[in-house]
Amino acid sequence: MLRISFLTREKADAIALARSLYSAKLALFLTIEQHTEIEPVGDAIIDTPLVHLSGMTKALLYRQVEEHAQAVLGDRLVRTWAEAVTSLDPASTEHLFRLVRPV
């Protein structure tokens, strides 16, 4: 299992991607959070507001999920990454494997 994450600049883009991933049965347990990316420039810090969409998927679907996100958002997708999930409660694990498309 993976927790897959996407950064966008606009909440509307994150919501559109969430709907598309859910409809395609590529991800579940989707959440959106406001983030601020910081970049040190000399003595100053430049803040860039971003929207973080994350959800759970099957590890073997990573490439499909990444390609799907790129197709939906194109250059509006700022960044994508995934983290391995080593433990998830049994009910959520069953739900994920039952509802996310087969590999």
N, C-alpha and C. Protein backbone atom coordinates (compact mmCIF):
# COMPACT_ATOMS: atom_id res chain seq x y z
N MET A 1 0.83 -1.17 0.00
CA MET A 1 0.00 0.00 0.00
C MET A 1 0.88 1.24 0.00
N LEU A 2 0.34 2.29 -0.60
CA LEU A 2 1.06 3.56 -0.67
C LEU A 2 0.15 4.69 -0.24
N ARG A 3 0.75 5.69 0.38
CA ARG A 3 0.10 6.98 0.53
C ARG A 3 0.69 7.83 -0.59
N ILE A 4 -0.16 8.21 -1.53
CA ILE A 4 0.30 8.97 -2.68
C ILE A 4 -0.10 10.42 -2.51
N SER A 5 0.79 11.32 -2.86
CA SER A 5 0.58 12.74 -2.63
C SER A 5 0.78 13.54 -3.91
N PHE A 6 0.00 14.61 -4.00
CA PHE A 6 0.07 15.51 -5.15
C PHE A 6 0.03 16.94 -4.62
N LEU A 7 0.83 17.81 -5.20
CA LEU A 7 0.76 19.23 -4.88
C LEU A 7 0.24 19.98 -6.09
N THR A 8 -0.72 20.88 -5.84
CA THR A 8 -1.26 21.76 -6.87
C THR A 8 -1.24 23.18 -6.32
N ARG A 9 -1.46 24.13 -7.19
CA ARG A 9 -1.52 25.52 -6.75
C ARG A 9 -2.94 25.93 -6.36
N GLU A 10 -3.93 25.25 -6.92
CA GLU A 10 -5.33 25.63 -6.71
C GLU A 10 -6.12 24.48 -6.10
N LYS A 11 -7.00 24.83 -5.16
CA LYS A 11 -7.86 23.82 -4.53
C LYS A 11 -8.77 23.16 -5.56
N ALA A 12 -9.26 23.93 -6.52
CA ALA A 12 -10.14 23.36 -7.55
C ALA A 12 -9.44 22.25 -8.33
N ASP A 13 -8.15 22.40 -8.59
CA ASP A 13 -7.40 21.35 -9.29
C ASP A 13 -7.27 20.10 -8.43
N ALA A 14 -7.00 20.28 -7.14
CA ALA A 14 -6.89 19.14 -6.23
C ALA A 14 -8.22 18.40 -6.14
N ILE A 15 -9.32 19.15 -6.08
CA ILE A 15 -10.65 18.52 -6.01
C ILE A 15 -10.96 17.78 -7.30
N ALA A 16 -10.65 18.38 -8.44
CA ALA A 16 -10.88 17.71 -9.73
C ALA A 16 -10.09 16.41 -9.81
N LEU A 17 -8.84 16.44 -9.36
CA LEU A 17 -8.02 15.24 -9.38
C LEU A 17 -8.57 14.20 -8.41
N ALA A 18 -8.98 14.62 -7.23
CA ALA A 18 -9.55 13.69 -6.25
C ALA A 18 -10.78 12.98 -6.83
N ARG A 19 -11.66 13.74 -7.44
CA ARG A 19 -12.86 13.14 -8.05
C ARG A 19 -12.49 12.14 -9.14
N SER A 20 -11.53 12.51 -9.95
CA SER A 20 -11.12 11.65 -11.05
C SER A 20 -10.46 10.37 -10.55
N LEU A 21 -9.58 10.48 -9.56
CA LEU A 21 -8.93 9.29 -8.99
C LEU A 21 -9.95 8.36 -8.35
N TYR A 22 -10.90 8.95 -7.63
CA TYR A 22 -11.93 8.14 -6.97
C TYR A 22 -12.81 7.44 -8.00
N SER A 23 -13.25 8.18 -9.02
CA SER A 23 -14.10 7.61 -10.07
C SER A 23 -13.40 6.49 -10.83
N ALA A 24 -12.09 6.63 -11.03
CA ALA A 24 -11.31 5.61 -11.75
C ALA A 24 -10.90 4.45 -10.84
N LYS A 25 -11.31 4.51 -9.59
CA LYS A 25 -10.98 3.48 -8.59
C LYS A 25 -9.47 3.31 -8.43
N LEU A 26 -8.77 4.44 -8.42
CA LEU A 26 -7.32 4.43 -8.27
C LEU A 26 -6.85 4.82 -6.88
N ALA A 27 -7.72 5.47 -6.09
CA ALA A 27 -7.31 5.89 -4.75
C ALA A 27 -8.53 6.04 -3.85
N LEU A 28 -8.31 5.84 -2.56
CA LEU A 28 -9.33 6.01 -1.52
C LEU A 28 -8.76 6.86 -0.39
N PHE A 29 -9.62 7.19 0.56
CA PHE A 29 -9.22 7.93 1.76
C PHE A 29 -8.50 9.23 1.39
N LEU A 30 -9.10 9.97 0.47
CA LEU A 30 -8.51 11.20 -0.05
C LEU A 30 -8.69 12.36 0.93
N THR A 31 -7.64 13.15 1.10
CA THR A 31 -7.69 14.33 1.96
C THR A 31 -6.99 15.50 1.26
N ILE A 32 -7.40 16.70 1.64
CA ILE A 32 -6.78 17.92 1.10
C ILE A 32 -6.33 18.77 2.28
N GLU A 33 -5.13 19.31 2.16
CA GLU A 33 -4.58 20.21 3.19
C GLU A 33 -3.91 21.39 2.50
N GLN A 34 -3.92 22.52 3.17
CA GLN A 34 -3.19 23.69 2.69
C GLN A 34 -1.74 23.57 3.15
N HIS A 35 -0.82 23.82 2.25
CA HIS A 35 0.61 23.77 2.57
C HIS A 35 1.28 25.05 2.09
N THR A 36 2.42 25.33 2.66
CA THR A 36 3.24 26.44 2.21
C THR A 36 4.65 25.91 1.98
N GLU A 37 5.10 26.01 0.74
CA GLU A 37 6.47 25.64 0.43
C GLU A 37 7.34 26.87 0.67
N ILE A 38 8.48 26.67 1.32
CA ILE A 38 9.37 27.80 1.58
C ILE A 38 10.67 27.61 0.82
N GLU A 39 11.20 28.74 0.36
CA GLU A 39 12.48 28.72 -0.36
C GLU A 39 13.35 29.85 0.18
N PRO A 40 14.46 29.50 0.81
CA PRO A 40 15.38 30.55 1.28
C PRO A 40 16.05 31.24 0.09
N VAL A 41 15.98 32.55 0.06
CA VAL A 41 16.63 33.35 -0.97
C VAL A 41 17.40 34.44 -0.24
N GLY A 42 18.70 34.24 -0.13
CA GLY A 42 19.51 35.16 0.66
C GLY A 42 19.06 35.10 2.12
N ASP A 43 18.74 36.26 2.67
CA ASP A 43 18.26 36.33 4.05
C ASP A 43 16.74 36.22 4.13
N ALA A 44 16.08 36.17 3.00
CA ALA A 44 14.60 36.14 2.97
C ALA A 44 14.09 34.72 2.74
N ILE A 45 12.82 34.54 3.02
CA ILE A 45 12.13 33.28 2.74
C ILE A 45 10.96 33.60 1.82
N ILE A 46 10.89 32.90 0.70
CA ILE A 46 9.76 33.07 -0.21
C ILE A 46 8.76 31.97 0.09
N ASP A 47 7.52 32.37 0.40
CA ASP A 47 6.43 31.43 0.67
C ASP A 47 5.62 31.21 -0.59
N THR A 48 5.34 29.95 -0.90
CA THR A 48 4.48 29.61 -2.02
C THR A 48 3.34 28.74 -1.51
N PRO A 49 2.10 29.26 -1.51
CA PRO A 49 0.98 28.45 -1.05
C PRO A 49 0.68 27.32 -2.05
N LEU A 50 0.47 26.13 -1.52
CA LEU A 50 0.16 24.96 -2.33
C LEU A 50 -0.96 24.17 -1.66
N VAL A 51 -1.62 23.31 -2.43
CA VAL A 51 -2.65 22.42 -1.92
C VAL A 51 -2.12 21.00 -2.02
N HIS A 52 -2.18 20.27 -0.91
CA HIS A 52 -1.68 18.90 -0.84
C HIS A 52 -2.87 17.94 -0.84
N LEU A 53 -2.98 17.16 -1.89
CA LEU A 53 -3.98 16.09 -1.99
C LEU A 53 -3.27 14.79 -1.74
N SER A 54 -3.80 13.97 -0.85
CA SER A 54 -3.19 12.65 -0.64
C SER A 54 -4.29 11.61 -0.50
N GLY A 55 -3.90 10.37 -0.75
CA GLY A 55 -4.82 9.25 -0.62
C GLY A 55 -4.05 7.95 -0.60
N MET A 56 -4.77 6.87 -0.46
CA MET A 56 -4.16 5.55 -0.39
C MET A 56 -4.43 4.79 -1.68
N THR A 57 -3.44 4.01 -2.10
CA THR A 57 -3.60 3.17 -3.28
C THR A 57 -2.75 1.92 -3.11
N LYS A 58 -2.87 1.04 -4.07
CA LYS A 58 -2.05 -0.17 -4.08
C LYS A 58 -0.68 0.17 -4.68
N ALA A 59 0.36 -0.40 -4.12
CA ALA A 59 1.72 -0.08 -4.57
C ALA A 59 1.91 -0.34 -6.07
N LEU A 60 1.35 -1.42 -6.57
CA LEU A 60 1.56 -1.75 -7.98
C LEU A 60 0.79 -0.84 -8.94
N LEU A 61 -0.07 0.02 -8.41
CA LEU A 61 -0.80 0.97 -9.25
C LEU A 61 -0.12 2.33 -9.33
N TYR A 62 1.01 2.50 -8.66
CA TYR A 62 1.64 3.82 -8.58
C TYR A 62 1.81 4.48 -9.95
N ARG A 63 2.38 3.78 -10.88
CA ARG A 63 2.65 4.36 -12.20
C ARG A 63 1.34 4.79 -12.87
N GLN A 64 0.29 3.95 -12.77
CA GLN A 64 -1.01 4.31 -13.35
C GLN A 64 -1.58 5.56 -12.69
N VAL A 65 -1.48 5.64 -11.38
CA VAL A 65 -2.01 6.80 -10.65
C VAL A 65 -1.24 8.06 -11.05
N GLU A 66 0.06 7.96 -11.12
CA GLU A 66 0.89 9.10 -11.51
C GLU A 66 0.54 9.57 -12.93
N GLU A 67 0.40 8.64 -13.86
CA GLU A 67 0.06 8.99 -15.24
C GLU A 67 -1.34 9.59 -15.32
N HIS A 68 -2.28 9.05 -14.54
CA HIS A 68 -3.64 9.56 -14.50
C HIS A 68 -3.63 11.02 -14.03
N ALA A 69 -2.90 11.29 -12.96
CA ALA A 69 -2.83 12.65 -12.43
C ALA A 69 -2.23 13.61 -13.46
N GLN A 70 -1.20 13.17 -14.14
CA GLN A 70 -0.57 14.01 -15.16
C GLN A 70 -1.54 14.28 -16.30
N ALA A 71 -2.32 13.27 -16.69
CA ALA A 71 -3.29 13.45 -17.77
C ALA A 71 -4.40 14.41 -17.36
N VAL A 72 -4.83 14.35 -16.11
CA VAL A 72 -5.91 15.22 -15.63
C VAL A 72 -5.44 16.66 -15.46
N LEU A 73 -4.27 16.86 -14.87
CA LEU A 73 -3.84 18.22 -14.51
C LEU A 73 -2.74 18.81 -15.39
N GLY A 74 -1.99 17.98 -16.09
CA GLY A 74 -0.91 18.51 -16.92
C GLY A 74 0.06 19.36 -16.11
N ASP A 75 0.38 20.56 -16.61
CA ASP A 75 1.36 21.39 -15.92
C ASP A 75 0.83 22.05 -14.65
N ARG A 76 -0.45 21.83 -14.33
CA ARG A 76 -1.00 22.34 -13.06
C ARG A 76 -0.62 21.42 -11.90
N LEU A 77 -0.06 20.25 -12.20
CA LEU A 77 0.43 19.34 -11.17
C LEU A 77 1.86 19.77 -10.82
N VAL A 78 2.06 20.21 -9.59
CA VAL A 78 3.37 20.74 -9.18
C VAL A 78 4.34 19.61 -8.85
N ARG A 79 3.88 18.63 -8.08
CA ARG A 79 4.78 17.56 -7.61
C ARG A 79 3.95 16.34 -7.21
N THR A 80 4.54 15.15 -7.39
CA THR A 80 3.91 13.89 -7.00
C THR A 80 4.95 13.03 -6.29
N TRP A 81 4.53 12.35 -5.23
CA TRP A 81 5.41 11.39 -4.55
C TRP A 81 4.56 10.38 -3.81
N ALA A 82 5.20 9.31 -3.37
CA ALA A 82 4.48 8.27 -2.63
C ALA A 82 5.35 7.77 -1.48
N GLU A 83 4.68 7.33 -0.44
CA GLU A 83 5.35 6.76 0.73
C GLU A 83 4.73 5.40 1.02
N ALA A 84 5.56 4.45 1.33
CA ALA A 84 5.06 3.11 1.67
C ALA A 84 4.29 3.16 2.98
N VAL A 85 3.18 2.46 3.02
CA VAL A 85 2.39 2.31 4.24
C VAL A 85 2.66 0.91 4.77
N THR A 86 3.26 0.84 5.93
CA THR A 86 3.62 -0.47 6.49
C THR A 86 2.56 -1.02 7.42
N SER A 87 1.62 -0.17 7.83
CA SER A 87 0.57 -0.64 8.72
C SER A 87 -0.68 0.21 8.53
N LEU A 88 -1.81 -0.45 8.44
CA LEU A 88 -3.11 0.21 8.31
C LEU A 88 -4.12 -0.69 9.01
N ASP A 89 -5.07 -0.09 9.68
CA ASP A 89 -6.03 -0.90 10.42
C ASP A 89 -6.71 -1.91 9.49
N PRO A 90 -7.09 -3.08 10.00
CA PRO A 90 -7.64 -4.15 9.16
C PRO A 90 -8.87 -3.75 8.36
N ALA A 91 -9.79 -3.01 8.94
CA ALA A 91 -11.01 -2.63 8.22
C ALA A 91 -10.68 -1.73 7.03
N SER A 92 -9.79 -0.77 7.22
CA SER A 92 -9.40 0.12 6.12
C SER A 92 -8.63 -0.63 5.05
N THR A 93 -7.78 -1.56 5.46
CA THR A 93 -7.03 -2.37 4.50
C THR A 93 -7.98 -3.17 3.63
N GLU A 94 -8.95 -3.81 4.24
CA GLU A 94 -9.93 -4.60 3.48
C GLU A 94 -10.70 -3.70 2.52
N HIS A 95 -11.14 -2.55 3.01
CA HIS A 95 -11.88 -1.59 2.19
C HIS A 95 -11.05 -1.16 0.98
N LEU A 96 -9.79 -0.85 1.21
CA LEU A 96 -8.90 -0.42 0.14
C LEU A 96 -8.74 -1.51 -0.92
N PHE A 97 -8.47 -2.72 -0.49
CA PHE A 97 -8.23 -3.79 -1.45
C PHE A 97 -9.50 -4.24 -2.16
N ARG A 98 -10.64 -4.01 -1.55
CA ARG A 98 -11.91 -4.39 -2.18
C ARG A 98 -12.35 -3.35 -3.20
N LEU A 99 -12.13 -2.07 -2.92
CA LEU A 99 -12.68 -1.02 -3.76
C LEU A 99 -11.72 -0.42 -4.78
N VAL A 100 -10.43 -0.51 -4.55
CA VAL A 100 -9.48 0.00 -5.54
C VAL A 100 -9.32 -1.06 -6.63
N ARG A 101 -9.23 -0.60 -7.86
CA ARG A 101 -9.21 -1.53 -9.00
C ARG A 101 -8.13 -2.60 -8.86
N PRO A 102 -8.39 -3.76 -9.44
CA PRO A 102 -7.39 -4.84 -9.39
C PRO A 102 -6.11 -4.44 -10.13
N VAL A 103 -5.03 -5.02 -9.69
CA VAL A 103 -3.73 -4.75 -10.32
C VAL A 103 -3.57 -5.64 -11.52
